[in-house]
Amino acid sequence: MALEYKRTAPQEGAANNPLHGIKLIDILEYLVATKGWPEMAEMVDINCFKSNPTIKSSLKFLRTTPWARTKVEEYYLKCIK
């Protein structure tokens, strides 16, 4: 009786996704350290960057608001190029 192993297919888009393996908290910490809250608020127009910004409140908002997270991720990709 031979054992058969199933190969799992790699996640679609993982190889082509520049954000694969990068956590949202790492993105925010990088942007805060390199750009600061005022520039982030100017470039990505969301209240969690303007009014009493913190990493914790920003994470909470971005995890529940896909359009805002997409904007932050796009800004991050522009900043690291």
PDB file of N, CA and C in Angstrom:
ATOM      1  N   MET A   1       0.842  -1.179   0.000  1.00  0.00           N
ATOM      2  CA  MET A   1       0.000   0.000   0.000  1.00  0.00           C
ATOM      3  C   MET A   1       0.890   1.246   0.000  1.00  0.00           C
ATOM      4  N   ALA A   2       0.838   1.982  -1.061  1.00  0.00           N
ATOM      5  CA  ALA A   2       1.679   3.173  -1.194  1.00  0.00           C
ATOM      6  C   ALA A   2       0.950   4.392  -0.637  1.00  0.00           C
ATOM      7  N   LEU A   3       1.709   5.233   0.003  1.00  0.00           N
ATOM      8  CA  LEU A   3       1.147   6.481   0.512  1.00  0.00           C
ATOM      9  C   LEU A   3       1.185   7.526  -0.578  1.00  0.00           C
ATOM     10  N   GLU A   4       0.123   8.240  -0.707  1.00  0.00           N
ATOM     11  CA  GLU A   4       0.079   9.314  -1.682  1.00  0.00           C
ATOM     12  C   GLU A   4       0.025  10.645  -0.940  1.00  0.00           C
ATOM     13  N   TYR A   5       0.831  11.552  -1.372  1.00  0.00           N
ATOM     14  CA  TYR A   5       0.837  12.879  -0.777  1.00  0.00           C
ATOM     15  C   TYR A   5       0.209  13.861  -1.752  1.00  0.00           C
ATOM     16  N   LYS A   6      -0.686  14.630  -1.239  1.00  0.00           N
ATOM     17  CA  LYS A   6      -1.296  15.649  -2.077  1.00  0.00           C
ATOM     18  C   LYS A   6      -0.466  16.910  -1.994  1.00  0.00           C
ATOM     19  N   ARG A   7      -0.177  17.458  -3.117  1.00  0.00           N
ATOM     20  CA  ARG A   7       0.527  18.736  -3.146  1.00  0.00           C
ATOM     21  C   ARG A   7      -0.501  19.850  -3.069  1.00  0.00           C
ATOM     22  N   THR A   8      -0.206  20.790  -2.238  1.00  0.00           N
ATOM     23  CA  THR A   8      -1.118  21.927  -2.167  1.00  0.00           C
ATOM     24  C   THR A   8      -0.623  22.995  -3.131  1.00  0.00           C
ATOM     25  N   ALA A   9      -1.540  23.552  -3.835  1.00  0.00           N
ATOM     26  CA  ALA A   9      -1.188  24.608  -4.788  1.00  0.00           C
ATOM     27  C   ALA A   9      -0.841  25.872  -4.010  1.00  0.00           C
ATOM     28  N   PRO A  10       0.142  26.605  -4.490  1.00  0.00           N
ATOM     29  CA  PRO A  10       0.458  27.868  -3.822  1.00  0.00           C
ATOM     30  C   PRO A  10      -0.731  28.813  -3.936  1.00  0.00           C
ATOM     31  N   GLN A  11      -0.848  29.702  -2.972  1.00  0.00           N
ATOM     32  CA  GLN A  11      -1.943  30.661  -3.005  1.00  0.00           C
ATOM     33  C   GLN A  11      -1.855  31.483  -4.274  1.00  0.00           C
ATOM     34  N   GLU A  12      -3.006  31.677  -4.886  1.00  0.00           N
ATOM     35  CA  GLU A  12      -3.028  32.461  -6.112  1.00  0.00           C
ATOM     36  C   GLU A  12      -2.576  33.889  -5.837  1.00  0.00           C
ATOM     37  N   GLY A  13      -1.693  34.379  -6.663  1.00  0.00           N
ATOM     38  CA  GLY A  13      -1.244  35.755  -6.554  1.00  0.00           C
ATOM     39  C   GLY A  13      -0.177  35.987  -5.497  1.00  0.00           C
ATOM     40  N   ALA A  14       0.134  34.994  -4.674  1.00  0.00           N
ATOM     41  CA  ALA A  14       1.106  35.188  -3.611  1.00  0.00           C
ATOM     42  C   ALA A  14       2.483  35.522  -4.167  1.00  0.00           C
ATOM     43  N   ALA A  15       2.873  34.846  -5.237  1.00  0.00           N
ATOM     44  CA  ALA A  15       4.194  35.079  -5.811  1.00  0.00           C
ATOM     45  C   ALA A  15       4.300  36.463  -6.447  1.00  0.00           C
ATOM     46  N   ASN A  16       3.205  36.966  -6.946  1.00  0.00           N
ATOM     47  CA  ASN A  16       3.214  38.262  -7.622  1.00  0.00           C
ATOM     48  C   ASN A  16       2.802  39.417  -6.710  1.00  0.00           C
ATOM     49  N   ASN A  17       2.442  39.123  -5.482  1.00  0.00           N
ATOM     50  CA  ASN A  17       1.975  40.152  -4.571  1.00  0.00           C
ATOM     51  C   ASN A  17       3.154  40.716  -3.774  1.00  0.00           C
ATOM     52  N   PRO A  18       3.500  41.986  -3.971  1.00  0.00           N
ATOM     53  CA  PRO A  18       4.637  42.558  -3.242  1.00  0.00           C
ATOM     54  C   PRO A  18       4.374  42.705  -1.746  1.00  0.00           C
ATOM     55  N   LEU A  19       3.118  42.599  -1.328  1.00  0.00           N
ATOM     56  CA  LEU A  19       2.783  42.718   0.094  1.00  0.00           C
ATOM     57  C   LEU A  19       2.685  41.361   0.790  1.00  0.00           C
ATOM     58  N   HIS A  20       2.920  40.285   0.051  1.00  0.00           N
ATOM     59  CA  HIS A  20       2.825  38.946   0.634  1.00  0.00           C
ATOM     60  C   HIS A  20       3.817  38.804   1.791  1.00  0.00           C
ATOM     61  N   GLY A  21       3.284  38.446   2.955  1.00  0.00           N
ATOM     62  CA  GLY A  21       4.130  38.228   4.131  1.00  0.00           C
ATOM     63  C   GLY A  21       4.396  39.473   4.947  1.00  0.00           C
ATOM     64  N   ILE A  22       3.904  40.613   4.518  1.00  0.00           N
ATOM     65  CA  ILE A  22       4.106  41.857   5.265  1.00  0.00           C
ATOM     66  C   ILE A  22       2.833  42.154   6.050  1.00  0.00           C
ATOM     67  N   LYS A  23       2.980  42.327   7.348  1.00  0.00           N
ATOM     68  CA  LYS A  23       1.828  42.578   8.209  1.00  0.00           C
ATOM     69  C   LYS A  23       1.440  44.050   8.155  1.00  0.00           C
ATOM     70  N   LEU A  24       0.167  44.308   8.384  1.00  0.00           N
ATOM     71  CA  LEU A  24      -0.346  45.677   8.387  1.00  0.00           C
ATOM     72  C   LEU A  24       0.352  46.524   9.447  1.00  0.00           C
ATOM     73  N   ILE A  25       0.630  45.952  10.597  1.00  0.00           N
ATOM     74  CA  ILE A  25       1.312  46.711  11.651  1.00  0.00           C
ATOM     75  C   ILE A  25       2.715  47.123  11.203  1.00  0.00           C
ATOM     76  N   ASP A  26       3.390  46.261  10.449  1.00  0.00           N
ATOM     77  CA  ASP A  26       4.723  46.595   9.939  1.00  0.00           C
ATOM     78  C   ASP A  26       4.652  47.752   8.940  1.00  0.00           C
ATOM     79  N   ILE A  27       3.616  47.742   8.121  1.00  0.00           N
ATOM     80  CA  ILE A  27       3.413  48.825   7.155  1.00  0.00           C
ATOM     81  C   ILE A  27       3.207  50.144   7.885  1.00  0.00           C
ATOM     82  N   LEU A  28       2.315  50.135   8.883  1.00  0.00           N
ATOM     83  CA  LEU A  28       2.037  51.362   9.633  1.00  0.00           C
ATOM     84  C   LEU A  28       3.268  51.866  10.381  1.00  0.00           C
ATOM     85  N   GLU A  29       3.983  50.969  11.035  1.00  0.00           N
ATOM     86  CA  GLU A  29       5.175  51.382  11.782  1.00  0.00           C
ATOM     87  C   GLU A  29       6.231  51.973  10.852  1.00  0.00           C
ATOM     88  N   TYR A  30       6.395  51.402   9.679  1.00  0.00           N
ATOM     89  CA  TYR A  30       7.345  51.935   8.705  1.00  0.00           C
ATOM     90  C   TYR A  30       6.927  53.339   8.270  1.00  0.00           C
ATOM     91  N   LEU A  31       5.651  53.491   7.918  1.00  0.00           N
ATOM     92  CA  LEU A  31       5.175  54.792   7.446  1.00  0.00           C
ATOM     93  C   LEU A  31       5.266  55.865   8.533  1.00  0.00           C
ATOM     94  N   VAL A  32       4.930  55.512   9.754  1.00  0.00           N
ATOM     95  CA  VAL A  32       5.021  56.480  10.858  1.00  0.00           C
ATOM     96  C   VAL A  32       6.477  56.881  11.083  1.00  0.00           C
ATOM     97  N   ALA A  33       7.381  55.917  11.026  1.00  0.00           N
ATOM     98  CA  ALA A  33       8.798  56.200  11.266  1.00  0.00           C
ATOM     99  C   ALA A  33       9.423  57.031  10.147  1.00  0.00           C
ATOM    100  N   THR A  34       9.018  56.774   8.910  1.00  0.00           N
ATOM    101  CA  THR A  34       9.660  57.457   7.785  1.00  0.00           C
ATOM    102  C   THR A  34       8.925  58.703   7.323  1.00  0.00           C
ATOM    103  N   LYS A  35       7.599  58.706   7.438  1.00  0.00           N
ATOM    104  CA  LYS A  35       6.807  59.824   6.915  1.00  0.00           C
ATOM    105  C   LYS A  35       6.170  60.662   8.011  1.00  0.00           C
ATOM    106  N   GLY A  36       5.735  60.034   9.085  1.00  0.00           N
ATOM    107  CA  GLY A  36       5.049  60.737  10.160  1.00  0.00           C
ATOM    108  C   GLY A  36       3.557  60.864   9.895  1.00  0.00           C
ATOM    109  N   TRP A  37       2.809  61.080  10.949  1.00  0.00           N
ATOM    110  CA  TRP A  37       1.357  61.172  10.844  1.00  0.00           C
ATOM    111  C   TRP A  37       0.887  62.312   9.946  1.00  0.00           C
ATOM    112  N   PRO A  38       1.469  63.514  10.037  1.00  0.00           N
ATOM    113  CA  PRO A  38       0.961  64.612   9.191  1.00  0.00           C
ATOM    114  C   PRO A  38       1.063  64.314   7.691  1.00  0.00           C
ATOM    115  N   GLU A  39       2.190  63.775   7.250  1.00  0.00           N
ATOM    116  CA  GLU A  39       2.327  63.454   5.832  1.00  0.00           C
ATOM    117  C   GLU A  39       1.416  62.302   5.431  1.00  0.00           C
ATOM    118  N   MET A  40       1.269  61.334   6.314  1.00  0.00           N
ATOM    119  CA  MET A  40       0.369  60.219   6.019  1.00  0.00           C
ATOM    120  C   MET A  40      -1.068  60.718   5.866  1.00  0.00           C
ATOM    121  N   ALA A  41      -1.474  61.654   6.735  1.00  0.00           N
ATOM    122  CA  ALA A  41      -2.826  62.207   6.665  1.00  0.00           C
ATOM    123  C   ALA A  41      -3.036  62.997   5.383  1.00  0.00           C
ATOM    124  N   GLU A  42      -1.980  63.631   4.917  1.00  0.00           N
ATOM    125  CA  GLU A  42      -2.072  64.396   3.674  1.00  0.00           C
ATOM    126  C   GLU A  42      -2.166  63.467   2.456  1.00  0.00           C
ATOM    127  N   MET A  43      -1.402  62.399   2.476  1.00  0.00           N
ATOM    128  CA  MET A  43      -1.343  61.497   1.328  1.00  0.00           C
ATOM    129  C   MET A  43      -2.518  60.504   1.289  1.00  0.00           C
ATOM    130  N   VAL A  44      -2.972  60.079   2.465  1.00  0.00           N
ATOM    131  CA  VAL A  44      -4.103  59.153   2.561  1.00  0.00           C
ATOM    132  C   VAL A  44      -5.139  59.841   3.447  1.00  0.00           C
ATOM    133  N   ASP A  45      -6.169  60.358   2.831  1.00  0.00           N
ATOM    134  CA  ASP A  45      -7.141  61.201   3.518  1.00  0.00           C
ATOM    135  C   ASP A  45      -8.147  60.371   4.330  1.00  0.00           C
ATOM    136  N   ILE A  46      -7.690  59.936   5.522  1.00  0.00           N
ATOM    137  CA  ILE A  46      -8.587  59.220   6.435  1.00  0.00           C
ATOM    138  C   ILE A  46      -8.420  59.797   7.832  1.00  0.00           C
ATOM    139  N   ASN A  47      -9.524  59.849   8.576  1.00  0.00           N
ATOM    140  CA  ASN A  47      -9.538  60.493   9.886  1.00  0.00           C
ATOM    141  C   ASN A  47      -8.615  59.858  10.909  1.00  0.00           C
ATOM    142  N   CYS A  48      -8.400  58.550  10.838  1.00  0.00           N
ATOM    143  CA  CYS A  48      -7.569  57.909  11.855  1.00  0.00           C
ATOM    144  C   CYS A  48      -6.118  58.379  11.779  1.00  0.00           C
ATOM    145  N   PHE A  49      -5.723  59.040  10.683  1.00  0.00           N
ATOM    146  CA  PHE A  49      -4.391  59.624  10.576  1.00  0.00           C
ATOM    147  C   PHE A  49      -4.379  61.097  10.976  1.00  0.00           C
ATOM    148  N   LYS A  50      -5.563  61.713  11.026  1.00  0.00           N
ATOM    149  CA  LYS A  50      -5.661  63.149  11.292  1.00  0.00           C
ATOM    150  C   LYS A  50      -5.980  63.477  12.739  1.00  0.00           C
ATOM    151  N   SER A  51      -6.948  62.803  13.295  1.00  0.00           N
ATOM    152  CA  SER A  51      -7.467  63.138  14.616  1.00  0.00           C
ATOM    153  C   SER A  51      -6.945  62.160  15.666  1.00  0.00           C
ATOM    154  N   ASN A  52      -6.011  62.616  16.480  1.00  0.00           N
ATOM    155  CA  ASN A  52      -5.430  61.804  17.556  1.00  0.00           C
ATOM    156  C   ASN A  52      -4.960  60.435  17.050  1.00  0.00           C
ATOM    157  N   PRO A  53      -4.016  60.419  16.112  1.00  0.00           N
ATOM    158  CA  PRO A  53      -3.606  59.154  15.493  1.00  0.00           C
ATOM    159  C   PRO A  53      -2.766  58.270  16.412  1.00  0.00           C
ATOM    160  N   THR A  54      -3.066  56.987  16.393  1.00  0.00           N
ATOM    161  CA  THR A  54      -2.260  55.984  17.086  1.00  0.00           C
ATOM    162  C   THR A  54      -2.207  54.749  16.193  1.00  0.00           C
ATOM    163  N   ILE A  55      -1.213  53.932  16.423  1.00  0.00           N
ATOM    164  CA  ILE A  55      -1.093  52.677  15.675  1.00  0.00           C
ATOM    165  C   ILE A  55      -2.317  51.809  15.951  1.00  0.00           C
ATOM    166  N   LYS A  56      -2.704  51.709  17.222  1.00  0.00           N
ATOM    167  CA  LYS A  56      -3.816  50.841  17.610  1.00  0.00           C
ATOM    168  C   LYS A  56      -5.119  51.250  16.935  1.00  0.00           C
ATOM    169  N   SER A  57      -5.445  52.537  16.977  1.00  0.00           N
ATOM    170  CA  SER A  57      -6.706  52.981  16.367  1.00  0.00           C
ATOM    171  C   SER A  57      -6.661  52.846  14.847  1.00  0.00           C
ATOM    172  N   SER A  58      -5.512  53.084  14.267  1.00  0.00           N
ATOM    173  CA  SER A  58      -5.370  52.945  12.817  1.00  0.00           C
ATOM    174  C   SER A  58      -5.522  51.494  12.385  1.00  0.00           C
ATOM    175  N   LEU A  59      -4.922  50.573  13.131  1.00  0.00           N
ATOM    176  CA  LEU A  59      -5.053  49.149  12.820  1.00  0.00           C
ATOM    177  C   LEU A  59      -6.516  48.717  12.878  1.00  0.00           C
ATOM    178  N   LYS A  60      -7.202  49.140  13.925  1.00  0.00           N
ATOM    179  CA  LYS A  60      -8.613  48.768  14.086  1.00  0.00           C
ATOM    180  C   LYS A  60      -9.436  49.258  12.894  1.00  0.00           C
ATOM    181  N   PHE A  61      -9.233  50.507  12.502  1.00  0.00           N
ATOM    182  CA  PHE A  61      -9.978  51.074  11.381  1.00  0.00           C
ATOM    183  C   PHE A  61      -9.630  50.386  10.067  1.00  0.00           C
ATOM    184  N   LEU A  62      -8.334  50.214   9.805  1.00  0.00           N
ATOM    185  CA  LEU A  62      -7.903  49.651   8.526  1.00  0.00           C
ATOM    186  C   LEU A  62      -8.298  48.190   8.361  1.00  0.00           C
ATOM    187  N   ARG A  63      -8.355  47.464   9.457  1.00  0.00           N
ATOM    188  CA  ARG A  63      -8.752  46.050   9.373  1.00  0.00           C
ATOM    189  C   ARG A  63     -10.232  45.891   9.048  1.00  0.00           C
ATOM    190  N   THR A  64     -11.030  46.912   9.345  1.00  0.00           N
ATOM    191  CA  THR A  64     -12.473  46.812   9.089  1.00  0.00           C
ATOM    192  C   THR A  64     -12.924  47.637   7.887  1.00  0.00           C
ATOM    193  N   THR A  65     -11.992  48.332   7.234  1.00  0.00           N
ATOM    194  CA  THR A  65     -12.344  49.196   6.106  1.00  0.00           C
ATOM    195  C   THR A  65     -11.431  48.890   4.923  1.00  0.00           C
ATOM    196  N   PRO A  66     -11.861  47.990   4.055  1.00  0.00           N
ATOM    197  CA  PRO A  66     -10.998  47.540   2.953  1.00  0.00           C
ATOM    198  C   PRO A  66     -10.504  48.648   2.024  1.00  0.00           C
ATOM    199  N   TRP A  67     -11.343  49.629   1.697  1.00  0.00           N
ATOM    200  CA  TRP A  67     -10.909  50.683   0.776  1.00  0.00           C
ATOM    201  C   TRP A  67      -9.782  51.513   1.377  1.00  0.00           C
ATOM    202  N   ALA A  68      -9.842  51.751   2.685  1.00  0.00           N
ATOM    203  CA  ALA A  68      -8.792  52.531   3.339  1.00  0.00           C
ATOM    204  C   ALA A  68      -7.497  51.727   3.423  1.00  0.00           C
ATOM    205  N   ARG A  69      -7.619  50.450   3.726  1.00  0.00           N
ATOM    206  CA  ARG A  69      -6.436  49.594   3.785  1.00  0.00           C
ATOM    207  C   ARG A  69      -5.739  49.544   2.427  1.00  0.00           C
ATOM    208  N   THR A  70      -6.522  49.462   1.369  1.00  0.00           N
ATOM    209  CA  THR A  70      -5.962  49.443   0.020  1.00  0.00           C
ATOM    210  C   THR A  70      -5.187  50.722  -0.258  1.00  0.00           C
ATOM    211  N   LYS A  71      -5.731  51.859   0.141  1.00  0.00           N
ATOM    212  CA  LYS A  71      -5.034  53.138  -0.061  1.00  0.00           C
ATOM    213  C   LYS A  71      -3.717  53.184   0.706  1.00  0.00           C
ATOM    214  N   VAL A  72      -3.725  52.706   1.943  1.00  0.00           N
ATOM    215  CA  VAL A  72      -2.506  52.699   2.760  1.00  0.00           C
ATOM    216  C   VAL A  72      -1.467  51.760   2.151  1.00  0.00           C
ATOM    217  N   GLU A  73      -1.895  50.602   1.695  1.00  0.00           N
ATOM    218  CA  GLU A  73      -0.966  49.650   1.077  1.00  0.00           C
ATOM    219  C   GLU A  73      -0.370  50.221  -0.211  1.00  0.00           C
ATOM    220  N   GLU A  74      -1.178  50.903  -1.002  1.00  0.00           N
ATOM    221  CA  GLU A  74      -0.668  51.527  -2.227  1.00  0.00           C
ATOM    222  C   GLU A  74       0.334  52.630  -1.887  1.00  0.00           C
ATOM    223  N   TYR A  75       0.053  53.412  -0.877  1.00  0.00           N
ATOM    224  CA  TYR A  75       0.979  54.468  -0.439  1.00  0.00           C
ATOM    225  C   TYR A  75       2.296  53.861   0.041  1.00  0.00           C
ATOM    226  N   TYR A  76       2.207  52.778   0.789  1.00  0.00           N
ATOM    227  CA  TYR A  76       3.396  52.078   1.275  1.00  0.00           C
ATOM    228  C   TYR A  76       4.256  51.602   0.101  1.00  0.00           C
ATOM    229  N   LEU A  77       3.618  51.003  -0.904  1.00  0.00           N
ATOM    230  CA  LEU A  77       4.357  50.502  -2.064  1.00  0.00           C
ATOM    231  C   LEU A  77       5.052  51.643  -2.807  1.00  0.00           C
ATOM    232  N   LYS A  78       4.408  52.805  -2.892  1.00  0.00           N
ATOM    233  CA  LYS A  78       5.049  53.956  -3.518  1.00  0.00           C
ATOM    234  C   LYS A  78       6.252  54.426  -2.705  1.00  0.00           C
ATOM    235  N   CYS A  79       6.137  54.357  -1.391  1.00  0.00           N
ATOM    236  CA  CYS A  79       7.209  54.827  -0.507  1.00  0.00           C
ATOM    237  C   CYS A  79       8.440  53.920  -0.517  1.00  0.00           C
ATOM    238  N   ILE A  80       8.244  52.637  -0.723  1.00  0.00           N
ATOM    239  CA  ILE A  80       9.404  51.735  -0.673  1.00  0.00           C
ATOM    240  C   ILE A  80      10.091  51.581  -2.013  1.00  0.00           C
ATOM    241  N   LYS A  81       9.521  52.146  -3.080  1.00  0.00           N
ATOM    242  CA  LYS A  81      10.166  52.032  -4.400  1.00  0.00           C
ATOM    243  C   LYS A  81      11.303  52.997  -4.527  1.00  0.00           C
TER     244      LYS A  81
END
